Amino acid sequence: MSSVSVFVDDATRGRFPNVCVKTGAPSDGVVRIEKYSGGLGFAWLLIFLGPVGWIVLLALAAMSRREVLTVRVPMSIAAEAQEPRLARQRAIALFACLGLVTAAILQLHPVPVEVWAGAAGVAAIVAIGFHGAMLFTQIGVELDASRRWVTLSRVDPAFAAAVDADLAHRELTAH
């Protein structure tokens, strides 16, 4: 996987070559990616401090400023379908885990609790695996400190090369 940096205007308007960001093949669609920033982060741990922590957390939440950066990238329909499929598989594994934990707690069948707990652990590991696969396949979007450049990471090398060639071509024609 590669990464490429582009102007914010190009990223938000989707001014990219017609090359799929994930596969490098010709693109037949455009996908919106939203990057959120400015949340509370680890401040949620203030919940554990009781009423004083709750008040501080509410004050921080009222003062925090949440920003959204929306980027449009070219993507093939096949590559676009991969992400919801992984999310669906993760949800199924999580529901299986919850069902198995519930069965263990309620002891619905004459099966030992250890078997239910072991099966729930396996389902949880599968759900974590699908979540990791989702994170690995998602396109990374980062805005630099000057707020002029967006870096797209985990992109196909062919897409990165096409973007670099397009930027070089635009610079040559601008002069």
Protein backbone atom coordinates (compact mmCIF):
# COMPACT_ATOMS: atom_id res chain seq x y z
CA MET A 1 0.00 0.00 0.00
CA SER A 2 1.06 3.55 -0.71
CA SER A 3 0.14 7.06 0.31
CA VAL A 4 -0.24 10.29 -1.62
CA SER A 5 -0.66 13.95 -0.62
CA VAL A 6 -2.98 16.30 -2.52
CA PHE A 7 -4.43 19.78 -2.09
CA VAL A 8 -7.52 19.96 0.10
CA ASP A 9 -9.57 21.37 -2.79
CA ASP A 10 -8.68 18.41 -5.01
CA ALA A 11 -9.59 15.93 -2.28
CA THR A 12 -12.90 17.53 -1.32
CA ARG A 13 -13.98 18.02 -4.93
CA GLY A 14 -12.79 14.61 -6.02
CA ARG A 15 -10.37 15.85 -8.68
CA PHE A 16 -8.51 12.59 -9.17
CA PRO A 17 -7.62 10.44 -12.16
CA ASN A 18 -10.20 7.78 -13.00
CA VAL A 19 -8.25 5.05 -11.14
CA CYS A 20 -9.72 3.05 -8.25
CA VAL A 21 -8.12 4.11 -4.96
CA LYS A 22 -8.15 0.51 -3.63
CA THR A 23 -7.44 -1.68 -6.66
CA GLY A 24 -5.67 0.56 -9.19
CA ALA A 25 -8.11 -0.59 -11.89
CA PRO A 26 -10.27 1.86 -13.86
CA SER A 27 -12.89 3.36 -11.58
CA ASP A 28 -16.61 3.21 -12.18
CA GLY A 29 -17.77 5.28 -9.23
CA VAL A 30 -16.92 7.85 -6.57
CA VAL A 31 -17.07 7.29 -2.80
CA ARG A 32 -17.28 9.84 0.00
CA ILE A 33 -14.97 9.33 2.97
CA GLU A 34 -15.61 11.39 6.09
CA LYS A 35 -12.81 12.05 8.57
CA TYR A 36 -13.90 13.31 12.00
CA SER A 37 -11.58 15.16 14.31
CA GLY A 38 -11.78 17.13 17.52
CA GLY A 39 -13.67 14.64 19.68
CA LEU A 40 -13.22 14.15 23.40
CA GLY A 41 -10.77 11.26 23.07
CA PHE A 42 -9.72 9.82 26.44
CA ALA A 43 -11.70 12.47 28.33
CA TRP A 44 -14.51 9.89 28.52
CA LEU A 45 -12.55 8.29 31.35
CA LEU A 46 -13.75 11.19 33.51
CA ILE A 47 -17.03 9.26 33.85
CA PHE A 48 -15.30 7.04 36.40
CA LEU A 49 -14.59 10.01 38.71
CA GLY A 50 -18.23 10.32 39.67
CA PRO A 51 -20.28 13.53 39.67
CA VAL A 52 -17.23 15.82 39.53
CA GLY A 53 -15.92 13.97 36.48
CA TRP A 54 -19.37 14.11 34.87
CA ILE A 55 -19.50 17.89 35.27
CA VAL A 56 -16.00 18.31 33.83
CA LEU A 57 -16.92 15.96 30.95
CA LEU A 58 -20.07 17.95 30.17
CA ALA A 59 -18.07 21.19 30.20
CA LEU A 60 -15.47 19.69 27.85
CA ALA A 61 -18.18 18.38 25.55
CA ALA A 62 -19.83 21.81 25.41
CA MET A 63 -16.52 23.50 24.56
CA SER A 64 -15.19 20.90 22.10
CA ARG A 65 -15.31 21.64 18.41
CA ARG A 66 -15.87 18.70 16.08
CA GLU A 67 -14.80 19.01 12.46
CA VAL A 68 -15.59 16.86 9.46
CA LEU A 69 -13.43 16.58 6.36
CA THR A 70 -15.28 14.99 3.43
CA VAL A 71 -13.10 13.56 0.67
CA ARG A 72 -14.34 12.12 -2.63
CA VAL A 73 -12.21 9.37 -4.16
CA PRO A 74 -12.67 7.20 -7.26
CA MET A 75 -13.50 3.57 -6.43
CA SER A 76 -14.72 0.55 -8.33
CA ILE A 77 -18.07 -0.95 -7.39
CA ALA A 78 -16.42 -4.24 -6.39
CA ALA A 79 -14.02 -2.50 -4.00
CA GLU A 80 -16.84 -0.39 -2.57
CA ALA A 81 -18.89 -3.52 -1.78
CA GLN A 82 -16.07 -5.02 0.30
CA GLU A 83 -16.38 -2.68 3.29
CA PRO A 84 -20.11 -3.22 4.07
CA ARG A 85 -19.54 -6.97 3.74
CA LEU A 86 -16.81 -6.86 6.41
CA ALA A 87 -19.03 -4.71 8.66
CA ARG A 88 -21.88 -7.21 8.26
CA GLN A 89 -19.60 -10.14 9.12
CA ARG A 90 -18.31 -8.27 12.18
CA ALA A 91 -21.88 -7.58 13.34
CA ILE A 92 -22.84 -11.24 12.90
CA ALA A 93 -19.83 -12.34 14.97
CA LEU A 94 -20.69 -9.79 17.69
CA PHE A 95 -24.33 -10.94 17.85
CA ALA A 96 -23.15 -14.56 18.00
CA CYS A 97 -20.85 -13.62 20.87
CA LEU A 98 -23.66 -11.86 22.75
CA GLY A 99 -26.02 -14.79 22.15
CA LEU A 100 -23.47 -17.27 23.43
CA VAL A 101 -22.75 -15.16 26.53
CA THR A 102 -26.49 -14.91 27.18
CA ALA A 103 -26.85 -18.67 26.78
CA ALA A 104 -23.98 -19.19 29.23
CA ILE A 105 -25.53 -16.87 31.80
CA LEU A 106 -29.03 -18.36 31.48
CA GLN A 107 -27.76 -21.94 31.13
CA LEU A 108 -30.41 -22.69 28.50
CA HIS A 109 -29.17 -26.17 27.63
CA PRO A 110 -27.42 -28.89 29.60
CA VAL A 111 -24.13 -27.76 28.06
CA PRO A 112 -21.39 -26.73 30.52
CA VAL A 113 -20.86 -22.99 30.98
CA GLU A 114 -17.22 -23.38 29.91
CA VAL A 115 -18.33 -24.51 26.44
CA TRP A 116 -20.60 -21.47 26.05
CA ALA A 117 -17.85 -19.15 27.31
CA GLY A 118 -15.27 -20.72 25.01
CA ALA A 119 -17.56 -20.36 21.99
CA ALA A 120 -18.26 -16.74 22.97
CA GLY A 121 -14.51 -16.11 23.18
CA VAL A 122 -14.00 -17.55 19.70
CA ALA A 123 -16.84 -15.38 18.34
CA ALA A 124 -15.27 -12.32 19.99
CA ILE A 125 -11.89 -13.10 18.41
CA VAL A 126 -13.56 -13.49 15.01
CA ALA A 127 -15.32 -10.12 15.47
CA ILE A 128 -12.01 -8.48 16.39
CA GLY A 129 -10.45 -10.03 13.29
CA PHE A 130 -13.16 -8.60 11.04
CA HIS A 131 -12.75 -5.21 12.72
CA GLY A 132 -9.01 -5.32 12.08
CA ALA A 133 -9.66 -6.25 8.43
CA MET A 134 -11.97 -3.24 8.15
CA LEU A 135 -9.33 -0.92 9.57
CA PHE A 136 -6.67 -2.37 7.28
CA THR A 137 -8.77 -1.94 4.12
CA GLN A 138 -10.12 1.56 4.86
CA ILE A 139 -8.47 4.49 3.14
CA GLY A 140 -6.70 6.72 5.66
CA VAL A 141 -7.38 10.47 5.48
CA GLU A 142 -5.18 12.96 7.34
CA LEU A 143 -5.22 16.76 7.16
CA ASP A 144 -1.85 18.41 7.78
CA ALA A 145 -1.28 21.26 10.24
CA SER A 146 -1.38 23.93 7.53
CA ARG A 147 -4.85 22.61 6.50
CA ARG A 148 -3.79 22.78 2.83
CA TRP A 149 -2.77 19.18 2.21
CA VAL A 150 -4.62 15.92 2.64
CA THR A 151 -2.68 12.66 2.81
CA LEU A 152 -4.48 9.56 1.61
CA SER A 153 -2.89 6.41 3.00
CA ARG A 154 -3.44 2.71 2.32
CA VAL A 155 -4.08 3.45 -1.37
CA ASP A 156 -3.10 1.27 -4.31
CA PRO A 157 0.34 2.14 -5.78
CA ALA A 158 -1.22 2.56 -9.25
CA PHE A 159 -3.60 5.19 -7.84
CA ALA A 160 -0.71 7.02 -6.12
CA ALA A 161 1.31 6.99 -9.36
CA ALA A 162 -1.68 8.26 -11.36
CA VAL A 163 -2.26 11.11 -8.87
CA ASP A 164 1.43 12.08 -8.91
CA ALA A 165 1.43 12.05 -12.74
CA ASP A 166 -1.75 14.14 -12.81
CA LEU A 167 -0.28 16.72 -10.40
CA ALA A 168 2.93 16.91 -12.46
CA HIS A 169 0.88 17.37 -15.65
CA ARG A 170 -1.16 20.18 -14.04
CA GLU A 171 2.01 21.94 -12.87
CA LEU A 172 3.49 21.78 -16.39
CA THR A 173 0.36 23.16 -18.03
CA ALA A 174 0.00 25.92 -15.40
CA HIS A 175 3.36 27.51 -16.28
